[in-house]
Amino acid sequence: YFMMLSGFLTHYAHGEGRDPAASAGSLANFCARRFARVAITAQAATAVDLFLRVAGHTHVAWLETIGCLFFIKGWVEPAPSCPNLPTWYVDAIVPSWLVYPFVTRRLLVSVSRQDGGSLLLVGFAIWLAAIGPELLLMAWRGRWLAWDEVVFVWFWPPAQLADFALGAWAAAAVAHPGARSLAEAWPRLLGIVADVALAVLLLVCALAPLPVAPETWAGPPTWRPGHYVKWEALTARLSAPLLATFLFCTCVCGRAAAGPDEEEHPRSRAAALLSHAVPVALGACTLEVYLFQAPLREMLLWLAPPAPPPFENYWPGLHWNPAVFFVYLLLLWTLSAAFALRVAEPLQKRLNSATASWTSRAHQVLSESDSSSESSNCSPQAERFELQPCLARNS
């Protein structure tokens, strides 16, 4: 779901307007906006976890850790075994962001100009590309996937390209010309469909039983045995259309309800709840929460043993219970918000302003080139039949 949401937000922000790959400056600005905050947070979290391991005299695989710091470890050994396990997501999303300006965006922009049926077919094809390799491999093997097979259909970076593209497709569907008329015709129905889709998705996540781990399961020791095997490996991608439906319906209804100078007013009750200031503020630092959960847990594990004699009466140890877990959550969100507001966002703004100047210079060069072309003596027929001589005279 994280990958789908990343694809949706990327295309929602960059799908309309100037092509990020139109110039080197635009591409640099796109990369800075997409990569900077994720890279800063992931490397900071990995550095903290590495420090805790070194200070605690825990074995450190230095070559593997260097690969984790530079987001290349997943290409060589895709199993989630970095010092900070959640950073596998960063390894997986990097190729999707690299491919987006040149392939994903151009494909979706082109399809968005076609009829709605063509757009639906493309979305179905993308979803099949996401879940198809798992289904084909299971059909070929005649059994559920083993762990060494799961890591290649889930954690190997190219395996997430289609999941990212599916989220971007949902954003392209929101911007489709027929989406607004659909929302104006059935706004309440779309709101109900959005709420039902989200409710079913939450029920699937909460009630789907975790399978018993097979003997070949070799996942991280901090995970509950059974993750990503048997039907658990299919649950997320089978339910991905529900998330795409929720995103499409809520955003289309919001766009249709808003005037040219008004804010969007979601007709979905779930979207209205999630649009409240508190969930929005919490959502602003979910990336930091995701990446800092493991280092903070490592810190608390330092406090688990009791104090050595004769101080055991002063510190009997920290036993993991609901009260400690509540404190852990409170600390996690507080530290994540502080890092996001005081470190990640200021650095991101500085980098954005620096790359924005590159983009403006590139746009100026393109504008000057367009002006010189318009003022030339080349007619449309000359541009069609005598392109090379015209270019020679303009240069």
Foldseek 3Di string as FASTA:
>chain_A
DVLLQLLQVLCLVQLDDDQCVPDPLSVLLLCLLNPQLLLVLQLVLLVLLVVLCVVVVHDDPVVLQVCLNVLNNCQVPQAQDHSQRLSLVVNQCVVLSVCCSPPLSVVLSVQLPPDPVSLVVVLVVLLCLLCVVLVVVCVVVVHKDFQVVLSCCPRRNVNCNSSSSNSNSLNSLLVRPVLLVVCVVCVLVLLVLLQVLVVVLVCCVVPVDQDAADPRFDHDPVDDHRACIDCNVVSCSVSSVSVSSNSNSQSSNQVNVADPPGGGDGSHPVVVVCPDPVNVLLVLQVSSLSRNLSSLVSVLVVQAPADDPPCSVVRVGDDDDPVVVVVSVVVSSVVSSCCVVPPSVVVSVVSSVVSVVVVVVVVVVVVVVVVLLVPFPQDPVCCVVVVVVSVVVSD
